[in-house]
Amino acid sequence: MPSLFRFLIFAGIVGGLVYVGVFALANFVKIQPREISVTVPPDKFVKQPK
């Protein structure tokens, strides 16, 4: 039984670290929006024969 408790504590600590990491990325990393221009070739608009 003690090994089960050790595993649960370890899993809880790892899960907590993952949660804190995701929380930090979501709140402290600021995304810089930018414009993207993509050229689409004209043959993409032509309906392909089947």
Protein backbone atom coordinates (compact mmCIF):
# COMPACT_ATOMS: atom_id res chain seq x y z
CA MET A 1 0.00 0.00 0.00
CA PRO A 2 2.77 2.55 0.69
CA SER A 3 3.99 2.18 -2.90
CA LEU A 4 0.49 3.14 -4.11
CA PHE A 5 0.59 6.30 -2.00
CA ARG A 6 4.07 7.12 -3.31
CA PHE A 7 2.86 6.66 -6.88
CA LEU A 8 -0.22 8.83 -6.30
CA ILE A 9 1.88 11.59 -4.73
CA PHE A 10 4.39 11.40 -7.59
CA ALA A 11 1.59 11.47 -10.20
CA GLY A 12 -0.01 14.43 -8.40
CA ILE A 13 3.25 16.38 -8.35
CA VAL A 14 3.94 15.70 -12.04
CA GLY A 15 0.35 16.61 -12.95
CA GLY A 16 0.64 19.81 -10.92
CA LEU A 17 3.87 20.76 -12.67
CA VAL A 18 2.26 20.16 -16.08
CA TYR A 19 -0.76 22.24 -15.04
CA VAL A 20 1.45 25.10 -13.84
CA GLY A 21 3.44 24.95 -17.09
CA VAL A 22 0.34 25.15 -19.25
CA PHE A 23 -1.06 27.93 -17.08
CA ALA A 24 2.19 29.91 -17.38
CA LEU A 25 2.28 29.49 -21.16
CA ALA A 26 -1.35 30.55 -21.49
CA ASN A 27 -1.04 33.66 -19.34
CA PHE A 28 2.51 34.95 -19.63
CA VAL A 29 3.38 34.40 -23.30
CA LYS A 30 2.08 37.21 -25.46
CA ILE A 31 1.43 36.34 -29.09
CA GLN A 32 2.33 39.00 -31.62
CA PRO A 33 -0.31 39.05 -34.38
CA ARG A 34 1.03 39.57 -37.88
CA GLU A 35 -0.32 39.56 -41.40
CA ILE A 36 0.37 36.59 -43.63
CA SER A 37 -0.02 36.71 -47.38
CA VAL A 38 -0.24 33.44 -49.31
CA THR A 39 -0.33 33.19 -53.09
CA VAL A 40 -2.75 30.54 -54.33
CA PRO A 41 -2.04 29.21 -57.82
CA PRO A 42 -4.94 29.63 -60.29
CA ASP A 43 -5.20 25.88 -60.98
CA LYS A 44 -6.55 25.43 -57.43
CA PHE A 45 -9.72 27.27 -58.52
CA VAL A 46 -10.37 25.10 -61.58
CA LYS A 47 -12.65 22.17 -60.92
CA GLN A 48 -10.74 18.93 -61.42
CA PRO A 49 -12.37 16.39 -63.82
CA LYS A 50 -13.28 13.08 -62.25
